[in-house]
C-alpha atoms as a PDB file:
ATOM      1  CA  MET A   1      -0.144  -0.050   0.339  1.00  0.00           C
ATOM      2  CA  PRO A   2       1.690   3.110  -0.911  1.00  0.00           C
ATOM      3  CA  ARG A   3       2.763   5.559   2.312  1.00  0.00           C
ATOM      4  CA  MET A   4       1.111   8.989   2.377  1.00  0.00           C
ATOM      5  CA  SER A   5       3.126  10.227   5.264  1.00  0.00           C
ATOM      6  CA  ALA A   6       5.545  13.012   3.896  1.00  0.00           C
ATOM      7  CA  LYS A   7       8.530  11.491   6.139  1.00  0.00           C
ATOM      8  CA  LYS A   8      11.634  10.334   4.025  1.00  0.00           C
ATOM      9  CA  SER A   9      12.532   6.645   5.016  1.00  0.00           C
ATOM     10  CA  GLY A  10      15.832   6.650   6.379  1.00  0.00           C
ATOM     11  CA  GLY A  11      16.850   4.089   4.594  1.00  0.00           C
ATOM     12  CA  TRP A  12      17.999   5.624   1.334  1.00  0.00           C
ATOM     13  CA  ARG A  13      20.289   8.883   1.734  1.00  0.00           C
ATOM     14  CA  ASP A  14      20.187  11.738  -0.590  1.00  0.00           C
ATOM     15  CA  GLU A  15      23.644  12.178  -2.090  1.00  0.00           C
ATOM     16  CA  GLN A  16      25.025  15.326  -1.467  1.00  0.00           C
ATOM     17  CA  ARG A  17      25.427  17.699  -3.974  1.00  0.00           C
ATOM     18  CA  ARG A  18      28.955  18.680  -3.629  1.00  0.00           C
ATOM     19  CA  ASP A  19      29.990  15.302  -3.391  1.00  0.00           C
ATOM     20  CA  GLU A  20      28.466  14.565  -7.335  1.00  0.00           C
ATOM     21  CA  ASN A  21      30.410  17.784  -9.029  1.00  0.00           C
ATOM     22  CA  PRO A  22      32.823  20.708  -8.505  1.00  0.00           C
ATOM     23  CA  HIS A  23      30.277  23.173  -9.911  1.00  0.00           C
ATOM     24  CA  THR A  24      28.178  25.607  -8.057  1.00  0.00           C
ATOM     25  CA  VAL A  25      24.356  24.846  -7.579  1.00  0.00           C
ATOM     26  CA  ASP A  26      21.814  27.885  -7.164  1.00  0.00           C
ATOM     27  CA  ARG A  27      18.099  26.786  -7.111  1.00  0.00           C
ATOM     28  CA  GLY A  28      18.022  24.839 -10.119  1.00  0.00           C
ATOM     29  CA  HIS A  29      21.277  27.008 -11.850  1.00  0.00           C
ATOM     30  CA  VAL A  30      23.702  24.839 -12.623  1.00  0.00           C
ATOM     31  CA  GLN A  31      27.424  26.638 -13.795  1.00  0.00           C
ATOM     32  CA  HIS A  32      28.944  24.554 -16.465  1.00  0.00           C
ATOM     33  CA  GLY A  33      32.694  24.472 -16.703  1.00  0.00           C
ATOM     34  CA  ALA A  34      34.019  23.290 -20.229  1.00  0.00           C
ATOM     35  CA  THR A  35      33.494  20.197 -20.740  1.00  0.00           C
ATOM     36  CA  GLY A  36      33.344  19.683 -24.503  1.00  0.00           C
ATOM     37  CA  LYS A  37      29.656  18.534 -24.337  1.00  0.00           C
ATOM     38  CA  SER A  38      27.404  20.265 -26.688  1.00  0.00           C
ATOM     39  CA  ASN A  39      24.370  21.956 -24.311  1.00  0.00           C
ATOM     40  CA  GLU A  40      21.465  20.135 -27.059  1.00  0.00           C
ATOM     41  CA  SER A  41      21.917  16.878 -24.802  1.00  0.00           C
ATOM     42  CA  ARG A  42      21.363  18.922 -21.393  1.00  0.00           C
ATOM     43  CA  ASP A  43      18.439  20.825 -23.066  1.00  0.00           C
ATOM     44  CA  THR A  44      16.145  18.004 -24.105  1.00  0.00           C
ATOM     45  CA  LEU A  45      16.780  16.474 -20.635  1.00  0.00           C
ATOM     46  CA  ASN A  46      13.378  16.529 -18.779  1.00  0.00           C
ATOM     47  CA  ARG A  47      12.649  15.240 -15.614  1.00  0.00           C
ATOM     48  CA  ASP A  48      10.190  12.346 -17.157  1.00  0.00           C
ATOM     49  CA  ARG A  49      13.303  10.845 -19.558  1.00  0.00           C
ATOM     50  CA  VAL A  50      15.324  11.077 -16.306  1.00  0.00           C
ATOM     51  CA  VAL A  51      13.831   8.911 -14.167  1.00  0.00           C
ATOM     52  CA  ARG A  52      12.966   6.173 -16.814  1.00  0.00           C
ATOM     53  CA  ALA A  53      16.855   6.040 -17.127  1.00  0.00           C
ATOM     54  CA  ALA A  54      16.995   5.886 -13.604  1.00  0.00           C
ATOM     55  CA  MET A  55      14.921   2.417 -14.333  1.00  0.00           C
ATOM     56  CA  ASP A  56      16.591   1.457 -17.121  1.00  0.00           C
ATOM     57  CA  LEU A  57      19.740   0.963 -14.920  1.00  0.00           C
ATOM     58  CA  ALA A  58      18.269   0.267 -12.377  1.00  0.00           C
ATOM     59  CA  ASP A  59      16.734  -2.708 -14.621  1.00  0.00           C
ATOM     60  CA  GLN A  60      20.140  -3.473 -15.736  1.00  0.00           C
ATOM     61  CA  SER A  61      22.446  -3.119 -13.018  1.00  0.00           C
ATOM     62  CA  GLY A  62      19.993  -2.790  -9.700  1.00  0.00           C
ATOM     63  CA  ILE A  63      18.898  -0.318  -7.587  1.00  0.00           C
ATOM     64  CA  GLU A  64      22.672  -0.275  -5.980  1.00  0.00           C
ATOM     65  CA  SER A  65      23.321   0.949  -9.221  1.00  0.00           C
ATOM     66  CA  VAL A  66      21.665   3.946  -9.500  1.00  0.00           C
ATOM     67  CA  THR A  67      24.143   7.510  -7.838  1.00  0.00           C
ATOM     68  CA  MET A  68      23.295  10.489 -10.068  1.00  0.00           C
ATOM     69  CA  ARG A  69      26.855  10.339 -11.268  1.00  0.00           C
ATOM     70  CA  VAL A  70      26.299   6.661 -13.349  1.00  0.00           C
ATOM     71  CA  LEU A  71      23.073   8.104 -14.246  1.00  0.00           C
ATOM     72  CA  GLY A  72      24.747  12.091 -15.632  1.00  0.00           C
ATOM     73  CA  ARG A  73      27.055   9.529 -18.123  1.00  0.00           C
ATOM     74  CA  ARG A  74      24.507   7.572 -19.146  1.00  0.00           C
ATOM     75  CA  LEU A  75      22.510  10.661 -20.154  1.00  0.00           C
ATOM     76  CA  GLY A  76      25.919  12.079 -21.098  1.00  0.00           C
ATOM     77  CA  VAL A  77      25.511  14.978 -18.862  1.00  0.00           C
ATOM     78  CA  GLU A  78      27.325  15.995 -16.156  1.00  0.00           C
ATOM     79  CA  ALA A  79      25.981  14.751 -12.627  1.00  0.00           C
ATOM     80  CA  ALA A  80      24.893  18.550 -11.360  1.00  0.00           C
ATOM     81  CA  SER A  81      21.976  18.613 -14.755  1.00  0.00           C
ATOM     82  CA  LEU A  82      20.267  16.249 -13.366  1.00  0.00           C
ATOM     83  CA  TYR A  83      19.103  18.235 -10.158  1.00  0.00           C
ATOM     84  CA  ASN A  84      17.372  21.006 -12.868  1.00  0.00           C
ATOM     85  CA  HIS A  85      14.928  17.886 -12.983  1.00  0.00           C
ATOM     86  CA  VAL A  86      15.092  15.960  -9.338  1.00  0.00           C
ATOM     87  CA  ALA A  87      15.528  17.752  -6.275  1.00  0.00           C
ATOM     88  CA  GLY A  88      17.980  14.724  -5.610  1.00  0.00           C
ATOM     89  CA  LYS A  89      18.179  11.635  -4.828  1.00  0.00           C
ATOM     90  CA  ASP A  90      15.390  10.785  -2.939  1.00  0.00           C
ATOM     91  CA  ASP A  91      13.002  12.623  -5.342  1.00  0.00           C
ATOM     92  CA  LEU A  92      14.495  10.008  -8.057  1.00  0.00           C
ATOM     93  CA  LEU A  93      13.349   6.851  -6.515  1.00  0.00           C
ATOM     94  CA  ASP A  94       9.904   8.609  -5.239  1.00  0.00           C
ATOM     95  CA  GLY A  95       9.782   9.325  -9.318  1.00  0.00           C
ATOM     96  CA  MET A  96      10.758   5.596 -10.190  1.00  0.00           C
ATOM     97  CA  VAL A  97       8.398   3.969  -7.511  1.00  0.00           C
ATOM     98  CA  ASP A  98       4.987   6.116  -8.753  1.00  0.00           C
ATOM     99  CA  LEU A  99       6.415   5.827 -13.059  1.00  0.00           C
ATOM    100  CA  VAL A 100       5.965   1.454 -11.277  1.00  0.00           C
ATOM    101  CA  VAL A 101       2.388   2.179  -9.447  1.00  0.00           C
ATOM    102  CA  ALA A 102       1.469   3.719 -12.784  1.00  0.00           C
ATOM    103  CA  LYS A 103       2.176   0.291 -14.328  1.00  0.00           C
ATOM    104  CA  ILE A 104      -0.693  -1.593 -12.579  1.00  0.00           C
ATOM    105  CA  ASP A 105      -3.740  -1.839 -13.519  1.00  0.00           C
ATOM    106  CA  LEU A 106      -5.966   0.299 -11.601  1.00  0.00           C
ATOM    107  CA  PRO A 107      -9.206  -1.733 -10.222  1.00  0.00           C
ATOM    108  CA  SER A 108     -11.901  -1.164 -12.735  1.00  0.00           C
ATOM    109  CA  GLY A 109     -16.166  -1.193 -11.653  1.00  0.00           C
ATOM    110  CA  ASP A 110     -16.933  -3.933 -14.506  1.00  0.00           C
ATOM    111  CA  VAL A 111     -15.934  -7.086 -12.324  1.00  0.00           C
ATOM    112  CA  GLY A 112     -16.939  -7.967  -8.243  1.00  0.00           C
ATOM    113  CA  TRP A 113     -14.418  -6.256  -5.943  1.00  0.00           C
ATOM    114  CA  GLN A 114     -12.976 -10.107  -5.284  1.00  0.00           C
ATOM    115  CA  ASP A 115     -12.350 -10.081  -9.355  1.00  0.00           C
ATOM    116  CA  ALA A 116     -11.146  -6.066  -8.937  1.00  0.00           C
ATOM    117  CA  MET A 117      -9.190  -6.656  -6.197  1.00  0.00           C
ATOM    118  CA  ARG A 118      -6.924 -10.351  -8.100  1.00  0.00           C
ATOM    119  CA  ARG A 119      -6.668  -8.530 -11.237  1.00  0.00           C
ATOM    120  CA  ARG A 120      -4.601  -5.609  -9.602  1.00  0.00           C
ATOM    121  CA  ALA A 121      -2.733  -8.259  -7.809  1.00  0.00           C
ATOM    122  CA  VAL A 122      -1.598 -10.085 -10.441  1.00  0.00           C
ATOM    123  CA  SER A 123      -0.939  -6.782 -12.445  1.00  0.00           C
ATOM    124  CA  ALA A 124       1.313  -5.493  -9.983  1.00  0.00           C
ATOM    125  CA  ARG A 125       3.063  -9.143  -9.294  1.00  0.00           C
ATOM    126  CA  GLU A 126       3.986  -9.039 -13.167  1.00  0.00           C
ATOM    127  CA  VAL A 127       5.147  -5.010 -12.987  1.00  0.00           C
ATOM    128  CA  PHE A 128       7.602  -6.182 -10.005  1.00  0.00           C
ATOM    129  CA  ALA A 129       8.629  -9.590 -12.047  1.00  0.00           C
ATOM    130  CA  ARG A 130      10.030  -6.808 -14.910  1.00  0.00           C
ATOM    131  CA  HIS A 131      11.322  -4.113 -12.291  1.00  0.00           C
ATOM    132  CA  ARG A 132      12.718  -6.911  -9.123  1.00  0.00           C
ATOM    133  CA  TRP A 133      13.777  -3.432  -7.683  1.00  0.00           C
ATOM    134  CA  ALA A 134      10.344  -2.075  -7.420  1.00  0.00           C
ATOM    135  CA  ALA A 135       8.859  -4.109  -4.802  1.00  0.00           C
ATOM    136  CA  GLY A 136      12.093  -4.124  -1.888  1.00  0.00           C
ATOM    137  CA  LEU A 137      12.037   0.287  -3.279  1.00  0.00           C
ATOM    138  CA  ILE A 138       8.608   1.111  -2.527  1.00  0.00           C
ATOM    139  CA  ASP A 139       8.420  -0.810   0.557  1.00  0.00           C
ATOM    140  CA  SER A 140      11.347   1.958   2.077  1.00  0.00           C
ATOM    141  CA  ARG A 141       9.992   5.408  -0.050  1.00  0.00           C
ATOM    142  CA  GLY A 142       7.594   7.857   2.789  1.00  0.00           C
ATOM    143  CA  ARG A 143       6.232  10.087   0.284  1.00  0.00           C
ATOM    144  CA  SER A 144       4.000   9.103  -2.560  1.00  0.00           C
ATOM    145  CA  GLY A 145       4.129  10.930  -5.823  1.00  0.00           C
ATOM    146  CA  PRO A 146       0.661  11.403  -7.951  1.00  0.00           C
ATOM    147  CA  SER A 147      -0.160   8.028  -9.280  1.00  0.00           C
ATOM    148  CA  SER A 148       0.729   6.213  -6.351  1.00  0.00           C
ATOM    149  CA  LEU A 149      -2.376   8.228  -4.687  1.00  0.00           C
ATOM    150  CA  ALA A 150      -4.407   8.152  -7.705  1.00  0.00           C
ATOM    151  CA  TYR A 151      -3.611   4.123  -6.784  1.00  0.00           C
ATOM    152  CA  ALA A 152      -4.349   4.434  -3.457  1.00  0.00           C
ATOM    153  CA  ASP A 153      -7.626   6.433  -3.487  1.00  0.00           C
ATOM    154  CA  ARG A 154      -9.108   3.617  -6.631  1.00  0.00           C
ATOM    155  CA  VAL A 155      -8.302   0.471  -4.236  1.00  0.00           C
ATOM    156  CA  LEU A 156      -9.685   2.194  -1.476  1.00  0.00           C
ATOM    157  CA  GLY A 157     -13.233   3.014  -3.527  1.00  0.00           C
ATOM    158  CA  VAL A 158     -13.927  -0.114  -4.981  1.00  0.00           C
ATOM    159  CA  LEU A 159     -13.024  -1.949  -1.414  1.00  0.00           C
ATOM    160  CA  LEU A 160     -15.749   1.178   0.244  1.00  0.00           C
ATOM    161  CA  GLU A 161     -17.551   0.492  -2.458  1.00  0.00           C
ATOM    162  CA  ALA A 162     -18.126  -3.319  -1.799  1.00  0.00           C
ATOM    163  CA  GLY A 163     -19.206  -2.354   1.710  1.00  0.00           C
ATOM    164  CA  PHE A 164     -15.997  -2.394   3.723  1.00  0.00           C
ATOM    165  CA  SER A 165     -15.669  -0.025   6.724  1.00  0.00           C
ATOM    166  CA  PRO A 166     -13.124   2.939   6.164  1.00  0.00           C
ATOM    167  CA  GLY A 167     -10.813   0.909   8.612  1.00  0.00           C
ATOM    168  CA  ASN A 168     -11.441  -2.646   7.000  1.00  0.00           C
ATOM    169  CA  ALA A 169     -11.171  -1.146   3.781  1.00  0.00           C
ATOM    170  CA  ALA A 170      -7.464   0.118   4.740  1.00  0.00           C
ATOM    171  CA  ASN A 171      -6.319  -3.407   6.270  1.00  0.00           C
ATOM    172  CA  ALA A 172      -7.471  -5.528   3.164  1.00  0.00           C
ATOM    173  CA  PHE A 173      -5.765  -2.897   1.277  1.00  0.00           C
ATOM    174  CA  LEU A 174      -2.704  -3.461   3.189  1.00  0.00           C
ATOM    175  CA  ALA A 175      -3.120  -7.164   3.624  1.00  0.00           C
ATOM    176  CA  LEU A 176      -3.176  -7.850  -0.134  1.00  0.00           C
ATOM    177  CA  ASP A 177      -0.059  -5.556  -0.548  1.00  0.00           C
ATOM    178  CA  SER A 178       1.760  -6.520   1.810  1.00  0.00           C
ATOM    179  CA  TYR A 179       1.178 -10.190   0.641  1.00  0.00           C
ATOM    180  CA  VAL A 180       2.125  -9.056  -3.373  1.00  0.00           C
ATOM    181  CA  TYR A 181       5.194  -7.606  -2.069  1.00  0.00           C
ATOM    182  CA  GLY A 182       6.073  -9.939   0.111  1.00  0.00           C
ATOM    183  CA  PHE A 183       5.771 -12.663  -2.681  1.00  0.00           C
ATOM    184  CA  GLU A 184       8.251 -11.202  -4.979  1.00  0.00           C
ATOM    185  CA  ARG A 185      10.670 -10.098  -2.475  1.00  0.00           C
ATOM    186  CA  GLN A 186      11.061 -14.017  -1.145  1.00  0.00           C
ATOM    187  CA  ARG A 187       9.894 -15.582  -4.646  1.00  0.00           C
ATOM    188  CA  ALA A 188      13.919 -15.394  -5.408  1.00  0.00           C
ATOM    189  CA  ASN A 189      14.199 -17.911  -2.573  1.00  0.00           C
ATOM    190  CA  ILE A 190      12.155 -20.754  -3.566  1.00  0.00           C
ATOM    191  CA  ALA A 191      11.511 -19.727  -7.042  1.00  0.00           C
ATOM    192  CA  PRO A 192      14.289 -20.848  -9.768  1.00  0.00           C
ATOM    193  CA  ALA A 193      16.116 -18.398 -12.074  1.00  0.00           C
ATOM    194  CA  GLU A 194      15.423 -17.927 -15.290  1.00  0.00           C
ATOM    195  CA  ASP A 195      17.286 -19.661 -16.953  1.00  0.00           C
ATOM    196  CA  GLU A 196      17.368 -22.857 -14.953  1.00  0.00           C
ATOM    197  CA  ASP A 197      15.154 -25.925 -14.979  1.00  0.00           C
ATOM    198  CA  ALA A 198      12.703 -26.053 -12.403  1.00  0.00           C
ATOM    199  CA  THR A 199      12.428 -30.283 -11.552  1.00  0.00           C
ATOM    200  CA  ASP A 200      16.378 -29.993 -12.214  1.00  0.00           C
ATOM    201  CA  VAL A 201      16.747 -27.402  -9.250  1.00  0.00           C
ATOM    202  CA  ALA A 202      14.837 -29.026  -7.048  1.00  0.00           C
ATOM    203  CA  LYS A 203      16.669 -32.556  -7.625  1.00  0.00           C
ATOM    204  CA  GLU A 204      19.545 -31.007  -7.065  1.00  0.00           C
ATOM    205  CA  VAL A 205      18.213 -29.530  -3.282  1.00  0.00           C
ATOM    206  CA  LEU A 206      17.111 -33.159  -2.685  1.00  0.00           C
ATOM    207  CA  GLY A 207      20.845 -34.854  -3.929  1.00  0.00           C
ATOM    208  CA  ALA A 208      22.353 -32.649  -1.115  1.00  0.00           C
ATOM    209  CA  ILE A 209      19.938 -33.455   1.572  1.00  0.00           C
ATOM    210  CA  PRO A 210      21.559 -36.275   3.466  1.00  0.00           C
ATOM    211  CA  GLU A 211      19.492 -40.019   3.873  1.00  0.00           C
ATOM    212  CA  GLY A 212      17.247 -39.716   6.298  1.00  0.00           C
ATOM    213  CA  ALA A 213      17.709 -35.809   7.368  1.00  0.00           C
ATOM    214  CA  TYR A 214      15.270 -33.095   6.489  1.00  0.00           C
ATOM    215  CA  PRO A 215      12.477 -35.817   6.075  1.00  0.00           C
ATOM    216  CA  SER A 216       9.999 -32.568   4.607  1.00  0.00           C
ATOM    217  CA  LEU A 217      12.023 -30.795   2.905  1.00  0.00           C
ATOM    218  CA  ALA A 218      12.955 -33.908   1.558  1.00  0.00           C
ATOM    219  CA  VAL A 219       9.232 -34.634   0.672  1.00  0.00           C
ATOM    220  CA  VAL A 220       8.542 -31.129  -0.731  1.00  0.00           C
ATOM    221  CA  ALA A 221      11.769 -31.431  -2.863  1.00  0.00           C
ATOM    222  CA  MET A 222      10.817 -34.947  -4.276  1.00  0.00           C
ATOM    223  CA  GLU A 223       7.545 -33.342  -5.479  1.00  0.00           C
ATOM    224  CA  TYR A 224       9.122 -31.119  -7.553  1.00  0.00           C
ATOM    225  CA  ALA A 225      11.837 -32.430  -9.214  1.00  0.00           C
ATOM    226  CA  SER A 226       8.905 -34.084 -10.834  1.00  0.00           C
ATOM    227  CA  THR A 227       6.584 -31.449 -11.214  1.00  0.00           C
ATOM    228  CA  PRO A 228       7.829 -28.443 -11.883  1.00  0.00           C
ATOM    229  CA  TYR A 229       7.246 -24.904 -10.071  1.00  0.00           C
ATOM    230  CA  ASP A 230       4.627 -23.003 -10.775  1.00  0.00           C
ATOM    231  CA  ASP A 231       5.268 -19.250  -9.750  1.00  0.00           C
ATOM    232  CA  ALA A 232       1.897 -17.632 -10.895  1.00  0.00           C
ATOM    233  CA  ALA A 233       0.063 -20.751  -9.250  1.00  0.00           C
ATOM    234  CA  ALA A 234       1.331 -20.341  -5.829  1.00  0.00           C
ATOM    235  CA  PHE A 235       1.142 -17.215  -5.604  1.00  0.00           C
ATOM    236  CA  GLU A 236      -2.779 -17.364  -6.797  1.00  0.00           C
ATOM    237  CA  PHE A 237      -2.996 -19.930  -4.128  1.00  0.00           C
ATOM    238  CA  GLY A 238      -2.296 -17.065  -1.100  1.00  0.00           C
ATOM    239  CA  LEU A 239      -4.141 -14.650  -3.252  1.00  0.00           C
ATOM    240  CA  ASP A 240      -7.257 -16.775  -2.603  1.00  0.00           C
ATOM    241  CA  LEU A 241      -6.581 -17.611   1.036  1.00  0.00           C
ATOM    242  CA  ILE A 242      -6.555 -13.829   1.238  1.00  0.00           C
ATOM    243  CA  LEU A 243      -9.682 -12.910  -0.698  1.00  0.00           C
ATOM    244  CA  ASP A 244     -11.897 -15.756   1.001  1.00  0.00           C
ATOM    245  CA  SER A 245     -10.807 -14.261   3.583  1.00  0.00           C
ATOM    246  CA  LEU A 246     -12.104 -10.583   3.266  1.00  0.00           C
ATOM    247  CA  GLY A 247     -14.988 -12.107   1.977  1.00  0.00           C
ATOM    248  CA  ARG A 248     -16.545 -13.446   5.019  1.00  0.00           C
ATOM    249  CA  LEU A 249     -15.820  -9.927   6.737  1.00  0.00           C
ATOM    250  CA  LEU A 250     -19.215  -8.666   4.031  1.00  0.00           C
ATOM    251  CA  GLU A 251     -20.673 -11.361   5.175  1.00  0.00           C
END
């Protein structure tokens, strides 16, 4: 569930401008030194382009690779130029979160609330699968952008219209999103990599278990050694449990 607070998370630290560049920065005005670069690339920069470039960098190299200096090199400008479009590292990360949330399908009013919540949860999982850094980043941010606020408003609206009290609607939203984010963040521990065969991985686990040891783990590994792990089915299993339990609140 996107956080409404304006308080910033302590999990990410804003990079100091003086560490990023030797140029003078004054309320967004940058005095560029003689770098040999043309002004054309700087003039065509905008916030959307900067944030999307940061997302591409995170997709390719992980969220830890996103720094103002590296991003500036990727865009062919001095890091100081980026401060004309984002206030700093925190603002950049908040922008990335908002663009990710904007990719999640908003619940529609043409289906029942359970189907609406299922559709948006599946959509969120698919988005997080494409941007593997996003689930963890969303959990770490303390400020919500326009897309995140619109998303929260629509989800809560569907739950309120279904008959949930305001408190239960908020709790339902939190329970569903905690599951979605948590599933994606834990998936790496139980799901094989994209280039691995699920049954081969299970056989490796089974072969590594000493005979007679960890019998429950051995039984599960044996199951997946013959039947591949189904990521989507595992996600929907937990999702259905939550939706069915929430439905009892309306009975």
